[in-house]
Amino acid sequence: MGKIDTIIFDFDGVIIDSMSIKESGFRHIFSAYDEIAVEKLVQFHHQQGGLNRREKIRYFFDVILANSAISESVNVEHLLNSFSEYIMLKQRNMKYFNLDLISWIKARPKDLKLFIVSGADEEEVIELTRFSGIYDSFKEILGAPTAKDANIQKLLNKYNLNPDRTIMIGDSINDFTGSFVNNIWFMGYNNRDLKKSCRYYLDSINDIDHLLEKIY
């Protein structure tokens, strides 16, 4: 398979289509707040898909509600727990998973090393990979609260991975940035805006082998 021997997958938007679920999760935990402010958060959520939920919640209070006394007394941990409970209940349904990619992951060449680096909560990602039957396909799964770029660096160091033979497949600018700062390849997926800025873009899972062969 060309020069690539390691693939790091993002999770949300790549292996599972959870953006709409998480949007409803934010609407749920902020149902008592100003609707216009919540809409601004929803926009930010879609613009910063790879950012973890804690930072999005802090953005809501520190930026969108910057002049509100609410931001000084809010219990962020309570909101995080409520958000987590809500989306985990919704996401435990195979209809939200990318079944073509799951099939590819299960059938991939055994000498190809696979990892997940996600902006989502690490324990949730592990639980959902177990639920979908792909947990054992990955050498390691890393997620929030550690930032993506730091987690990618951790994998490179821990497994002595060659950056020139490592690629990340992701759907957000955070994935692109995390790949860039760690000097690994990047392949965009499920976000047409990324097609303008990345060299390799995956239109269909059926093209993945062909694109990996093209990398030089």
N, C-alpha and C. Protein backbone atom coordinates (compact mmCIF):
# COMPACT_ATOMS: atom_id res chain seq x y z
N MET A 1 0.84 -1.20 0.00
CA MET A 1 0.00 0.00 0.00
C MET A 1 0.87 1.24 0.00
N GLY A 2 1.63 1.46 -1.07
CA GLY A 2 2.42 2.66 -1.17
C GLY A 2 3.36 2.82 -0.01
N LYS A 3 3.52 4.06 0.44
CA LYS A 3 4.47 4.35 1.51
C LYS A 3 3.82 4.42 2.89
N ILE A 4 2.49 4.53 2.95
CA ILE A 4 1.80 4.71 4.22
C ILE A 4 1.70 3.38 4.98
N ASP A 5 2.13 3.39 6.25
CA ASP A 5 1.96 2.19 7.07
C ASP A 5 1.17 2.47 8.34
N THR A 6 0.76 3.74 8.54
CA THR A 6 0.00 4.11 9.74
C THR A 6 -1.09 5.12 9.38
N ILE A 7 -2.31 4.85 9.84
CA ILE A 7 -3.41 5.79 9.66
C ILE A 7 -3.98 6.18 11.01
N ILE A 8 -4.09 7.49 11.23
CA ILE A 8 -4.75 8.02 12.42
C ILE A 8 -6.09 8.58 11.99
N PHE A 9 -7.16 8.02 12.51
CA PHE A 9 -8.51 8.47 12.16
C PHE A 9 -9.04 9.46 13.20
N ASP A 10 -9.70 10.50 12.73
CA ASP A 10 -10.60 11.25 13.60
C ASP A 10 -11.81 10.34 13.82
N PHE A 11 -12.63 10.67 14.79
CA PHE A 11 -13.80 9.84 15.06
C PHE A 11 -15.10 10.51 14.61
N ASP A 12 -15.45 11.63 15.23
CA ASP A 12 -16.68 12.34 14.85
C ASP A 12 -16.57 12.87 13.43
N GLY A 13 -17.57 12.57 12.63
CA GLY A 13 -17.59 13.05 11.25
C GLY A 13 -16.85 12.16 10.28
N VAL A 14 -16.12 11.17 10.81
CA VAL A 14 -15.39 10.23 9.95
C VAL A 14 -15.91 8.82 10.16
N ILE A 15 -15.76 8.31 11.38
CA ILE A 15 -16.25 6.97 11.69
C ILE A 15 -17.72 7.01 12.09
N ILE A 16 -18.12 8.10 12.72
CA ILE A 16 -19.52 8.26 13.11
C ILE A 16 -19.97 9.66 12.72
N ASP A 17 -21.20 9.79 12.29
CA ASP A 17 -21.76 11.08 11.91
C ASP A 17 -22.53 11.64 13.10
N SER A 18 -21.83 12.38 13.94
CA SER A 18 -22.43 12.79 15.21
C SER A 18 -22.62 14.30 15.34
N MET A 19 -22.32 15.07 14.30
CA MET A 19 -22.42 16.52 14.42
C MET A 19 -23.84 16.96 14.78
N SER A 20 -24.84 16.36 14.11
CA SER A 20 -26.22 16.76 14.39
C SER A 20 -26.65 16.32 15.79
N ILE A 21 -26.15 15.16 16.25
CA ILE A 21 -26.47 14.70 17.60
C ILE A 21 -25.89 15.66 18.63
N LYS A 22 -24.65 16.09 18.40
CA LYS A 22 -24.01 16.99 19.35
C LYS A 22 -24.65 18.39 19.30
N GLU A 23 -25.10 18.78 18.12
CA GLU A 23 -25.84 20.04 18.04
C GLU A 23 -27.08 19.97 18.94
N SER A 24 -27.83 18.89 18.84
CA SER A 24 -29.02 18.75 19.68
C SER A 24 -28.64 18.64 21.15
N GLY A 25 -27.44 18.09 21.43
CA GLY A 25 -26.95 18.01 22.80
C GLY A 25 -26.69 19.39 23.39
N PHE A 26 -26.08 20.27 22.59
CA PHE A 26 -25.85 21.64 23.06
C PHE A 26 -27.17 22.38 23.26
N ARG A 27 -28.09 22.17 22.34
CA ARG A 27 -29.41 22.81 22.50
C ARG A 27 -30.09 22.30 23.78
N HIS A 28 -29.89 21.03 24.07
CA HIS A 28 -30.50 20.43 25.26
C HIS A 28 -29.96 21.04 26.55
N ILE A 29 -28.63 21.10 26.68
CA ILE A 29 -28.07 21.58 27.95
C ILE A 29 -28.20 23.09 28.12
N PHE A 30 -28.41 23.80 27.00
CA PHE A 30 -28.56 25.26 27.08
C PHE A 30 -29.98 25.71 26.76
N SER A 31 -30.94 24.82 26.99
CA SER A 31 -32.34 25.13 26.65
C SER A 31 -32.89 26.32 27.44
N ALA A 32 -32.31 26.62 28.59
CA ALA A 32 -32.81 27.73 29.41
C ALA A 32 -32.14 29.07 29.06
N TYR A 33 -31.22 29.05 28.10
CA TYR A 33 -30.48 30.27 27.77
C TYR A 33 -31.07 30.97 26.54
N ASP A 34 -30.58 32.17 26.30
CA ASP A 34 -31.04 32.98 25.18
C ASP A 34 -30.85 32.24 23.85
N GLU A 35 -31.92 32.20 23.05
CA GLU A 35 -31.89 31.42 21.80
C GLU A 35 -30.85 31.95 20.82
N ILE A 36 -30.69 33.25 20.74
CA ILE A 36 -29.71 33.82 19.82
C ILE A 36 -28.30 33.41 20.22
N ALA A 37 -28.02 33.42 21.52
CA ALA A 37 -26.71 33.00 22.01
C ALA A 37 -26.46 31.52 21.69
N VAL A 38 -27.48 30.69 21.86
CA VAL A 38 -27.34 29.27 21.57
C VAL A 38 -27.09 29.04 20.08
N GLU A 39 -27.75 29.82 19.23
CA GLU A 39 -27.53 29.69 17.78
C GLU A 39 -26.08 30.04 17.43
N LYS A 40 -25.51 31.01 18.12
CA LYS A 40 -24.10 31.37 17.88
C LYS A 40 -23.19 30.21 18.28
N LEU A 41 -23.55 29.53 19.37
CA LEU A 41 -22.77 28.37 19.79
C LEU A 41 -22.88 27.25 18.76
N VAL A 42 -24.08 27.01 18.24
CA VAL A 42 -24.29 25.97 17.24
C VAL A 42 -23.44 26.26 16.00
N GLN A 43 -23.39 27.52 15.58
CA GLN A 43 -22.55 27.89 14.44
C GLN A 43 -21.08 27.61 14.73
N PHE A 44 -20.65 27.97 15.94
CA PHE A 44 -19.26 27.73 16.34
C PHE A 44 -18.97 26.23 16.38
N HIS A 45 -19.92 25.46 16.86
CA HIS A 45 -19.78 24.00 16.91
C HIS A 45 -19.52 23.42 15.52
N HIS A 46 -20.24 23.89 14.52
CA HIS A 46 -20.06 23.38 13.16
C HIS A 46 -18.77 23.89 12.52
N GLN A 47 -18.39 25.11 12.86
CA GLN A 47 -17.14 25.66 12.31
C GLN A 47 -15.92 24.99 12.90
N GLN A 48 -16.02 24.59 14.18
CA GLN A 48 -14.88 24.00 14.89
C GLN A 48 -15.21 22.56 15.28
N GLY A 49 -15.50 21.75 14.29
CA GLY A 49 -15.95 20.38 14.52
C GLY A 49 -15.01 19.54 15.36
N GLY A 50 -13.70 19.75 15.22
CA GLY A 50 -12.75 18.91 15.94
C GLY A 50 -12.40 19.40 17.33
N LEU A 51 -12.98 20.52 17.73
CA LEU A 51 -12.69 21.08 19.06
C LEU A 51 -13.48 20.31 20.11
N ASN A 52 -12.88 20.08 21.28
CA ASN A 52 -13.60 19.30 22.27
C ASN A 52 -14.71 20.12 22.94
N ARG A 53 -15.67 19.41 23.51
CA ARG A 53 -16.89 20.04 24.03
C ARG A 53 -16.62 21.00 25.19
N ARG A 54 -15.61 20.70 26.00
CA ARG A 54 -15.30 21.60 27.11
C ARG A 54 -14.94 22.99 26.60
N GLU A 55 -14.13 23.04 25.55
CA GLU A 55 -13.74 24.32 24.99
C GLU A 55 -14.93 25.03 24.34
N LYS A 56 -15.84 24.26 23.77
CA LYS A 56 -17.03 24.88 23.17
C LYS A 56 -17.94 25.46 24.26
N ILE A 57 -18.09 24.74 25.35
CA ILE A 57 -18.91 25.24 26.46
C ILE A 57 -18.26 26.49 27.07
N ARG A 58 -16.94 26.47 27.22
CA ARG A 58 -16.25 27.64 27.76
C ARG A 58 -16.39 28.82 26.80
N TYR A 59 -16.34 28.53 25.50
CA TYR A 59 -16.51 29.60 24.50
C TYR A 59 -17.89 30.24 24.65
N PHE A 60 -18.89 29.43 24.91
CA PHE A 60 -20.25 29.94 25.07
C PHE A 60 -20.30 30.96 26.21
N PHE A 61 -19.68 30.62 27.33
CA PHE A 61 -19.73 31.53 28.48
C PHE A 61 -18.70 32.66 28.39
N ASP A 62 -17.48 32.34 27.95
CA ASP A 62 -16.41 33.33 27.98
C ASP A 62 -16.47 34.31 26.82
N VAL A 63 -17.03 33.89 25.68
CA VAL A 63 -17.06 34.75 24.49
C VAL A 63 -18.48 35.20 24.16
N ILE A 64 -19.38 34.23 23.95
CA ILE A 64 -20.74 34.60 23.55
C ILE A 64 -21.47 35.33 24.68
N LEU A 65 -21.31 34.84 25.91
CA LEU A 65 -21.94 35.50 27.06
C LEU A 65 -20.89 36.23 27.90
N ALA A 66 -19.96 36.87 27.23
CA ALA A 66 -18.80 37.46 27.91
C ALA A 66 -19.18 38.46 29.00
N ASN A 67 -20.27 39.17 28.83
CA ASN A 67 -20.64 40.20 29.78
C ASN A 67 -21.71 39.74 30.77
N SER A 68 -21.94 38.45 30.79
CA SER A 68 -23.00 37.92 31.65
C SER A 68 -22.44 37.38 32.96
N ALA A 69 -23.12 37.69 34.04
CA ALA A 69 -22.70 37.18 35.35
C ALA A 69 -22.86 35.67 35.43
N ILE A 70 -23.69 35.11 34.54
CA ILE A 70 -23.89 33.66 34.52
C ILE A 70 -22.57 32.94 34.32
N SER A 71 -21.71 33.49 33.46
CA SER A 71 -20.46 32.84 33.11
C SER A 71 -19.53 32.69 34.30
N GLU A 72 -19.75 33.47 35.37
CA GLU A 72 -18.88 33.41 36.52
C GLU A 72 -19.26 32.30 37.49
N SER A 73 -20.49 31.85 37.42
CA SER A 73 -20.96 30.88 38.42
C SER A 73 -21.38 29.54 37.82
N VAL A 74 -21.28 29.39 36.52
CA VAL A 74 -21.77 28.18 35.87
C VAL A 74 -20.96 26.95 36.30
N ASN A 75 -21.63 25.84 36.44
CA ASN A 75 -20.99 24.57 36.77
C ASN A 75 -20.72 23.82 35.47
N VAL A 76 -19.52 24.00 34.95
CA VAL A 76 -19.17 23.41 33.67
C VAL A 76 -19.19 21.89 33.74
N GLU A 77 -18.74 21.32 34.85
CA GLU A 77 -18.70 19.87 34.97
C GLU A 77 -20.10 19.27 34.91
N HIS A 78 -21.06 19.95 35.51
CA HIS A 78 -22.45 19.48 35.47
C HIS A 78 -22.96 19.49 34.02
N LEU A 79 -22.66 20.57 33.30
CA LEU A 79 -23.08 20.66 31.90
C LEU A 79 -22.41 19.57 31.06
N LEU A 80 -21.14 19.34 31.30
CA LEU A 80 -20.42 18.30 30.56
C LEU A 80 -21.04 16.92 30.80
N ASN A 81 -21.39 16.64 32.03
CA ASN A 81 -22.00 15.35 32.36
C ASN A 81 -23.37 15.21 31.70
N SER A 82 -24.15 16.28 31.72
CA SER A 82 -25.47 16.24 31.09
C SER A 82 -25.35 16.04 29.59
N PHE A 83 -24.39 16.73 28.99
CA PHE A 83 -24.14 16.61 27.55
C PHE A 83 -23.74 15.18 27.21
N SER A 84 -22.81 14.64 27.98
CA SER A 84 -22.31 13.28 27.73
C SER A 84 -23.42 12.25 27.83
N GLU A 85 -24.25 12.34 28.86
CA GLU A 85 -25.35 11.39 29.04
C GLU A 85 -26.33 11.46 27.86
N TYR A 86 -26.60 12.67 27.41
CA TYR A 86 -27.56 12.87 26.32
C TYR A 86 -27.05 12.26 25.02
N ILE A 87 -25.81 12.60 24.63
CA ILE A 87 -25.33 12.14 23.32
C ILE A 87 -24.99 10.66 23.31
N MET A 88 -24.55 10.11 24.44
CA MET A 88 -24.23 8.69 24.45
C MET A 88 -25.48 7.84 24.23
N LEU A 89 -26.59 8.30 24.79
CA LEU A 89 -27.85 7.59 24.58
C LEU A 89 -28.25 7.63 23.10
N LYS A 90 -28.04 8.77 22.46
CA LYS A 90 -28.40 8.93 21.06
C LYS A 90 -27.46 8.17 20.12
N GLN A 91 -26.15 8.17 20.45
CA GLN A 91 -25.16 7.63 19.52
C GLN A 91 -25.09 6.11 19.49
N ARG A 92 -25.68 5.46 20.47
CA ARG A 92 -25.64 4.00 20.48
C ARG A 92 -26.66 3.43 19.50
N ASN A 93 -26.43 3.75 18.24
CA ASN A 93 -27.31 3.32 17.16
C ASN A 93 -26.45 3.21 15.90
N MET A 94 -26.39 2.05 15.30
CA MET A 94 -25.50 1.83 14.16
C MET A 94 -25.85 2.69 12.94
N LYS A 95 -27.03 3.28 12.92
CA LYS A 95 -27.40 4.09 11.75
C LYS A 95 -26.53 5.35 11.65
N TYR A 96 -25.90 5.74 12.74
CA TYR A 96 -25.04 6.92 12.72
C TYR A 96 -23.61 6.61 12.32
N PHE A 97 -23.26 5.34 12.22
CA PHE A 97 -21.89 4.96 11.90
C PHE A 97 -21.67 4.86 10.40
N ASN A 98 -20.43 5.11 9.99
CA ASN A 98 -20.02 4.99 8.59
C ASN A 98 -19.74 3.51 8.33
N LEU A 99 -20.75 2.80 7.87
CA LEU A 99 -20.64 1.34 7.75
C LEU A 99 -19.64 0.92 6.68
N ASP A 100 -19.50 1.71 5.62
CA ASP A 100 -18.51 1.38 4.59
C ASP A 100 -17.09 1.47 5.17
N LEU A 101 -16.86 2.50 5.97
CA LEU A 101 -15.53 2.64 6.58
C LEU A 101 -15.29 1.55 7.62
N ILE A 102 -16.30 1.21 8.38
CA ILE A 102 -16.16 0.13 9.37
C ILE A 102 -15.79 -1.18 8.67
N SER A 103 -16.42 -1.44 7.54
CA SER A 103 -16.08 -2.66 6.77
C SER A 103 -14.63 -2.61 6.29
N TRP A 104 -14.20 -1.43 5.83
CA TRP A 104 -12.81 -1.28 5.37
C TRP A 104 -11.84 -1.48 6.52
N ILE A 105 -12.14 -0.90 7.67
CA ILE A 105 -11.28 -1.04 8.84
C ILE A 105 -11.11 -2.50 9.23
N LYS A 106 -12.20 -3.25 9.22
CA LYS A 106 -12.14 -4.66 9.61
C LYS A 106 -11.37 -5.50 8.61
N ALA A 107 -11.36 -5.08 7.34
CA ALA A 107 -10.71 -5.88 6.30
C ALA A 107 -9.35 -5.35 5.88
N ARG A 108 -8.86 -4.29 6.54
CA ARG A 108 -7.63 -3.64 6.09
C ARG A 108 -6.44 -4.58 6.21
N PRO A 109 -5.36 -4.32 5.45
CA PRO A 109 -4.15 -5.14 5.58
C PRO A 109 -3.65 -5.16 7.02
N LYS A 110 -3.28 -6.32 7.51
CA LYS A 110 -2.94 -6.46 8.92
C LYS A 110 -1.64 -5.74 9.30
N ASP A 111 -0.81 -5.41 8.29
CA ASP A 111 0.42 -4.68 8.61
C ASP A 111 0.21 -3.17 8.64
N LEU A 112 -1.03 -2.73 8.43
CA LEU A 112 -1.36 -1.31 8.49
C LEU A 112 -1.80 -0.97 9.91
N LYS A 113 -1.07 -0.08 10.55
CA LYS A 113 -1.36 0.28 11.94
C LYS A 113 -2.43 1.37 11.97
N LEU A 114 -3.47 1.17 12.79
CA LEU A 114 -4.57 2.12 12.90
C LEU A 114 -4.67 2.68 14.32
N PHE A 115 -4.95 3.98 14.37
CA PHE A 115 -5.18 4.68 15.64
C PHE A 115 -6.37 5.60 15.49
N ILE A 116 -6.92 6.05 16.61
CA ILE A 116 -7.93 7.11 16.62
C ILE A 116 -7.42 8.24 17.50
N VAL A 117 -7.50 9.48 16.98
CA VAL A 117 -7.27 10.67 17.78
C VAL A 117 -8.49 11.56 17.59
N SER A 118 -9.23 11.77 18.66
CA SER A 118 -10.51 12.47 18.57
C SER A 118 -10.55 13.66 19.52
N GLY A 119 -11.38 14.64 19.17
CA GLY A 119 -11.66 15.75 20.06
C GLY A 119 -12.76 15.41 21.05
N ALA A 120 -13.40 14.25 20.86
CA ALA A 120 -14.45 13.80 21.77
C ALA A 120 -13.83 13.17 23.01
N ASP A 121 -14.64 13.00 24.04
CA ASP A 121 -14.19 12.37 25.27
C ASP A 121 -13.63 10.98 25.00
N GLU A 122 -12.45 10.71 25.52
CA GLU A 122 -11.74 9.47 25.20
C GLU A 122 -12.53 8.22 25.60
N GLU A 123 -13.11 8.22 26.79
CA GLU A 123 -13.86 7.05 27.25
C GLU A 123 -15.10 6.81 26.40
N GLU A 124 -15.73 7.88 25.95
CA GLU A 124 -16.90 7.73 25.08
C GLU A 124 -16.51 7.11 23.75
N VAL A 125 -15.40 7.56 23.18
CA VAL A 125 -14.95 7.02 21.90
C VAL A 125 -14.63 5.54 22.04
N ILE A 126 -13.95 5.17 23.11
CA ILE A 126 -13.64 3.76 23.36
C ILE A 126 -14.92 2.94 23.47
N GLU A 127 -15.89 3.45 24.21
CA GLU A 127 -17.15 2.73 24.38
C GLU A 127 -17.86 2.55 23.04
N LEU A 128 -17.85 3.59 22.20
CA LEU A 128 -18.56 3.51 20.92
C LEU A 128 -17.83 2.61 19.92
N THR A 129 -16.50 2.54 20.00
CA THR A 129 -15.80 1.59 19.13
C THR A 129 -16.08 0.15 19.56
N ARG A 130 -16.22 -0.06 20.85
CA ARG A 130 -16.62 -1.40 21.32
C ARG A 130 -18.02 -1.74 20.83
N PHE A 131 -18.92 -0.77 20.95
CA PHE A 131 -20.31 -0.97 20.52
C PHE A 131 -20.38 -1.33 19.04
N SER A 132 -19.56 -0.66 18.21
CA SER A 132 -19.60 -0.87 16.76
C SER A 132 -18.71 -2.02 16.29
N GLY A 133 -17.99 -2.66 17.22
CA GLY A 133 -17.22 -3.86 16.87
C GLY A 133 -15.86 -3.60 16.25
N ILE A 134 -15.31 -2.39 16.40
CA ILE A 134 -14.01 -2.10 15.77
C ILE A 134 -12.91 -1.77 16.78
N TYR A 135 -13.20 -1.89 18.04
CA TYR A 135 -12.22 -1.51 19.07
C TYR A 135 -10.89 -2.23 18.87
N ASP A 136 -10.92 -3.51 18.61
CA ASP A 136 -9.70 -4.31 18.50
C ASP A 136 -8.91 -4.02 17.23
N SER A 137 -9.46 -3.22 16.32
CA SER A 137 -8.75 -2.88 15.09
C SER A 137 -7.71 -1.78 15.31
N PHE A 138 -7.78 -1.10 16.46
CA PHE A 138 -6.91 0.05 16.72
C PHE A 138 -5.87 -0.27 17.78
N LYS A 139 -4.64 0.19 17.52
CA LYS A 139 -3.57 -0.02 18.49
C LYS A 139 -3.78 0.86 19.72
N GLU A 140 -4.34 2.05 19.52
CA GLU A 140 -4.63 2.92 20.65
C GLU A 140 -5.66 3.96 20.22
N ILE A 141 -6.47 4.38 21.18
CA ILE A 141 -7.51 5.39 20.96
C ILE A 141 -7.30 6.51 21.97
N LEU A 142 -7.11 7.73 21.46
CA LEU A 142 -6.88 8.89 22.32
C LEU A 142 -7.92 9.96 22.03
N GLY A 143 -8.31 10.68 23.07
CA GLY A 143 -9.30 11.74 22.90
C GLY A 143 -9.15 12.82 23.93
N ALA A 144 -10.20 13.62 24.10
CA ALA A 144 -10.21 14.72 25.07
C ALA A 144 -10.11 14.14 26.48
N PRO A 145 -9.50 14.88 27.41
CA PRO A 145 -9.27 16.33 27.34
C PRO A 145 -7.97 16.76 26.67
N THR A 146 -7.07 15.85 26.30
CA THR A 146 -5.82 16.25 25.65
C THR A 146 -6.10 16.72 24.22
N ALA A 147 -5.42 17.79 23.80
CA ALA A 147 -5.60 18.35 22.45
C ALA A 147 -5.11 17.37 21.39
N LYS A 148 -5.67 17.50 20.18
CA LYS A 148 -5.34 16.57 19.10
C LYS A 148 -3.86 16.60 18.73
N ASP A 149 -3.30 17.79 18.60
CA ASP A 149 -1.90 17.86 18.17
C ASP A 149 -0.98 17.18 19.19
N ALA A 150 -1.30 17.34 20.48
CA ALA A 150 -0.50 16.69 21.53
C ALA A 150 -0.68 15.18 21.49
N ASN A 151 -1.90 14.71 21.22
CA ASN A 151 -2.14 13.26 21.15
C ASN A 151 -1.45 12.63 19.94
N ILE A 152 -1.44 13.35 18.82
CA ILE A 152 -0.72 12.84 17.64
C ILE A 152 0.76 12.73 17.95
N GLN A 153 1.31 13.76 18.57
CA GLN A 153 2.73 13.72 18.95
C GLN A 153 3.02 12.56 19.90
N LYS A 154 2.10 12.34 20.83
CA LYS A 154 2.26 11.24 21.79
C LYS A 154 2.37 9.90 21.07
N LEU A 155 1.50 9.67 20.07
CA LEU A 155 1.54 8.42 19.31
C LEU A 155 2.83 8.28 18.52
N LEU A 156 3.25 9.36 17.87
CA LEU A 156 4.49 9.33 17.09
C LEU A 156 5.67 8.92 17.97
N ASN A 157 5.71 9.48 19.17
CA ASN A 157 6.82 9.19 20.08
C ASN A 157 6.71 7.79 20.70
N LYS A 158 5.50 7.46 21.17
CA LYS A 158 5.32 6.18 21.87
C LYS A 158 5.58 4.98 20.97
N TYR A 159 5.13 5.05 19.71
CA TYR A 159 5.25 3.90 18.81
C TYR A 159 6.37 4.08 17.79
N ASN A 160 7.15 5.15 17.97
CA ASN A 160 8.27 5.42 17.06
C ASN A 160 7.80 5.41 15.60
N LEU A 161 6.70 6.10 15.35
CA LEU A 161 6.13 6.13 14.01
C LEU A 161 6.93 7.08 13.12
N ASN A 162 7.03 6.72 11.87
CA ASN A 162 7.69 7.57 10.88
C ASN A 162 6.67 8.58 10.35
N PRO A 163 6.83 9.88 10.60
CA PRO A 163 5.85 10.87 10.14
C PRO A 163 5.62 10.81 8.63
N ASP A 164 6.66 10.46 7.88
CA ASP A 164 6.53 10.42 6.43
C ASP A 164 5.72 9.24 5.94
N ARG A 165 5.43 8.28 6.84
CA ARG A 165 4.62 7.11 6.49
C ARG A 165 3.32 7.08 7.28
N THR A 166 2.97 8.23 7.87
CA THR A 166 1.78 8.34 8.71
C THR A 166 0.82 9.38 8.14
N ILE A 167 -0.46 9.06 8.13
CA ILE A 167 -1.47 9.99 7.63
C ILE A 167 -2.64 10.07 8.60
N MET A 168 -3.22 11.25 8.70
CA MET A 168 -4.46 11.40 9.46
C MET A 168 -5.60 11.63 8.49
N ILE A 169 -6.73 10.99 8.75
CA ILE A 169 -7.94 11.20 7.97
C ILE A 169 -8.94 11.90 8.88
N GLY A 170 -9.32 13.13 8.49
CA GLY A 170 -10.20 13.91 9.34
C GLY A 170 -11.12 14.83 8.56
N ASP A 171 -12.07 15.42 9.29
CA ASP A 171 -13.08 16.25 8.63
C ASP A 171 -13.07 17.70 9.13
N SER A 172 -12.05 18.10 9.88
CA SER A 172 -12.07 19.45 10.43
C SER A 172 -10.72 20.13 10.30
N ILE A 173 -10.73 21.45 10.44
CA ILE A 173 -9.50 22.22 10.38
C ILE A 173 -8.58 21.84 11.53
N ASN A 174 -9.15 21.40 12.65
CA ASN A 174 -8.33 20.97 13.78
C ASN A 174 -7.53 19.71 13.43
N ASP A 175 -8.14 18.82 12.64
CA ASP A 175 -7.42 17.63 12.18
C ASP A 175 -6.28 18.03 11.25
N PHE A 176 -6.59 18.95 10.34
CA PHE A 176 -5.59 19.44 9.39
C PHE A 176 -4.42 20.09 10.13
N THR A 177 -4.73 20.94 11.11
CA THR A 177 -3.70 21.64 11.87
C THR A 177 -2.87 20.66 12.70
N GLY A 178 -3.55 19.70 13.35
CA GLY A 178 -2.83 18.71 14.15
C GLY A 178 -1.87 17.90 13.31
N SER A 179 -2.26 17.60 12.08
CA SER A 179 -1.38 16.86 11.16
C SER A 179 -0.20 17.73 10.73
N PHE A 180 -0.50 18.98 10.41
CA PHE A 180 0.53 19.91 9.90
C PHE A 180 1.64 20.14 10.94
N VAL A 181 1.24 20.42 12.19
CA VAL A 181 2.26 20.74 13.20
C VAL A 181 3.09 19.52 13.57
N ASN A 182 2.57 18.32 13.30
CA ASN A 182 3.33 17.10 13.56
C ASN A 182 4.01 16.55 12.32
N ASN A 183 3.88 17.28 11.21
CA ASN A 183 4.58 16.94 9.96
C ASN A 183 4.20 15.56 9.43
N ILE A 184 2.89 15.23 9.56
CA ILE A 184 2.40 13.98 8.96
C ILE A 184 1.45 14.33 7.81
N TRP A 185 1.15 13.35 6.98
CA TRP A 185 0.24 13.56 5.87
C TRP A 185 -1.19 13.76 6.40
N PHE A 186 -2.02 14.38 5.55
CA PHE A 186 -3.42 14.59 5.92
C PHE A 186 -4.31 14.30 4.72
N MET A 187 -5.45 13.65 5.00
CA MET A 187 -6.46 13.39 3.98
C MET A 187 -7.80 13.89 4.50
N GLY A 188 -8.38 14.87 3.80
CA GLY A 188 -9.67 15.41 4.20
C GLY A 188 -10.81 14.49 3.82
N TYR A 189 -11.88 14.58 4.59
CA TYR A 189 -13.05 13.73 4.35
C TYR A 189 -14.30 14.39 4.94
N ASN A 190 -15.41 14.29 4.23
CA ASN A 190 -16.72 14.71 4.75
C ASN A 190 -16.79 16.19 5.11
N ASN A 191 -16.00 17.01 4.42
CA ASN A 191 -16.04 18.46 4.62
C ASN A 191 -15.50 19.11 3.35
N ARG A 192 -16.40 19.59 2.50
CA ARG A 192 -15.98 20.10 1.19
C ARG A 192 -15.06 21.31 1.30
N ASP A 193 -15.15 22.06 2.40
CA ASP A 193 -14.27 23.21 2.57
C ASP A 193 -12.81 22.79 2.65
N LEU A 194 -12.56 21.59 3.18
CA LEU A 194 -11.19 21.10 3.29
C LEU A 194 -10.59 20.78 1.93
N LYS A 195 -11.43 20.53 0.96
CA LYS A 195 -10.93 20.15 -0.37
C LYS A 195 -10.11 21.27 -0.99
N LYS A 196 -10.39 22.50 -0.58
CA LYS A 196 -9.67 23.65 -1.12
C LYS A 196 -8.26 23.76 -0.53
N SER A 197 -8.05 23.19 0.65
CA SER A 197 -6.79 23.43 1.34
C SER A 197 -5.91 22.21 1.56
N CYS A 198 -6.40 21.01 1.24
CA CYS A 198 -5.55 19.84 1.45
C CYS A 198 -5.27 19.13 0.13
N ARG A 199 -4.10 18.54 0.06
CA ARG A 199 -3.63 17.89 -1.17
C ARG A 199 -4.43 16.65 -1.51
N TYR A 200 -4.84 15.91 -0.48
CA TYR A 200 -5.59 14.67 -0.70
C TYR A 200 -6.95 14.79 -0.03
N TYR A 201 -7.98 14.45 -0.79
CA TYR A 201 -9.34 14.53 -0.26
C TYR A 201 -10.10 13.27 -0.67
N LEU A 202 -10.78 12.68 0.30
CA LEU A 202 -11.48 11.41 0.10
C LEU A 202 -12.96 11.68 -0.16
N ASP A 203 -13.38 11.54 -1.42
CA ASP A 203 -14.79 11.74 -1.76
C ASP A 203 -15.64 10.55 -1.34
N SER A 204 -15.05 9.38 -1.40
CA SER A 204 -15.77 8.15 -1.08
C SER A 204 -14.82 7.16 -0.42
N ILE A 205 -15.33 6.38 0.52
CA ILE A 205 -14.51 5.36 1.16
C ILE A 205 -13.98 4.37 0.13
N ASN A 206 -14.70 4.20 -0.96
CA ASN A 206 -14.25 3.28 -2.01
C ASN A 206 -12.94 3.74 -2.65
N ASP A 207 -12.57 5.02 -2.46
CA ASP A 207 -11.35 5.56 -3.07
C ASP A 207 -10.15 5.51 -2.14
N ILE A 208 -10.33 5.02 -0.93
CA ILE A 208 -9.27 5.15 0.07
C ILE A 208 -7.98 4.42 -0.33
N ASP A 209 -8.09 3.21 -0.84
CA ASP A 209 -6.89 2.45 -1.22
C ASP A 209 -6.15 3.16 -2.35
N HIS A 210 -6.92 3.65 -3.32
CA HIS A 210 -6.33 4.34 -4.47
C HIS A 210 -5.57 5.59 -4.02
N LEU A 211 -6.18 6.37 -3.14
CA LEU A 211 -5.54 7.60 -2.68
C LEU A 211 -4.29 7.31 -1.84
N LEU A 212 -4.37 6.29 -1.00
CA LEU A 212 -3.19 5.94 -0.20
C LEU A 212 -2.02 5.52 -1.09
N GLU A 213 -2.33 4.88 -2.20
CA GLU A 213 -1.28 4.48 -3.14
C GLU A 213 -0.63 5.69 -3.83
N LYS A 214 -1.38 6.78 -3.95
CA LYS A 214 -0.89 7.96 -4.67
C LYS A 214 0.08 8.78 -3.84
N ILE A 215 0.06 8.62 -2.54
CA ILE A 215 0.90 9.46 -1.67
C ILE A 215 2.37 9.12 -1.87
N TYR A 216 3.16 10.16 -2.05
CA TYR A 216 4.59 9.95 -2.28
C TYR A 216 5.41 11.00 -1.54
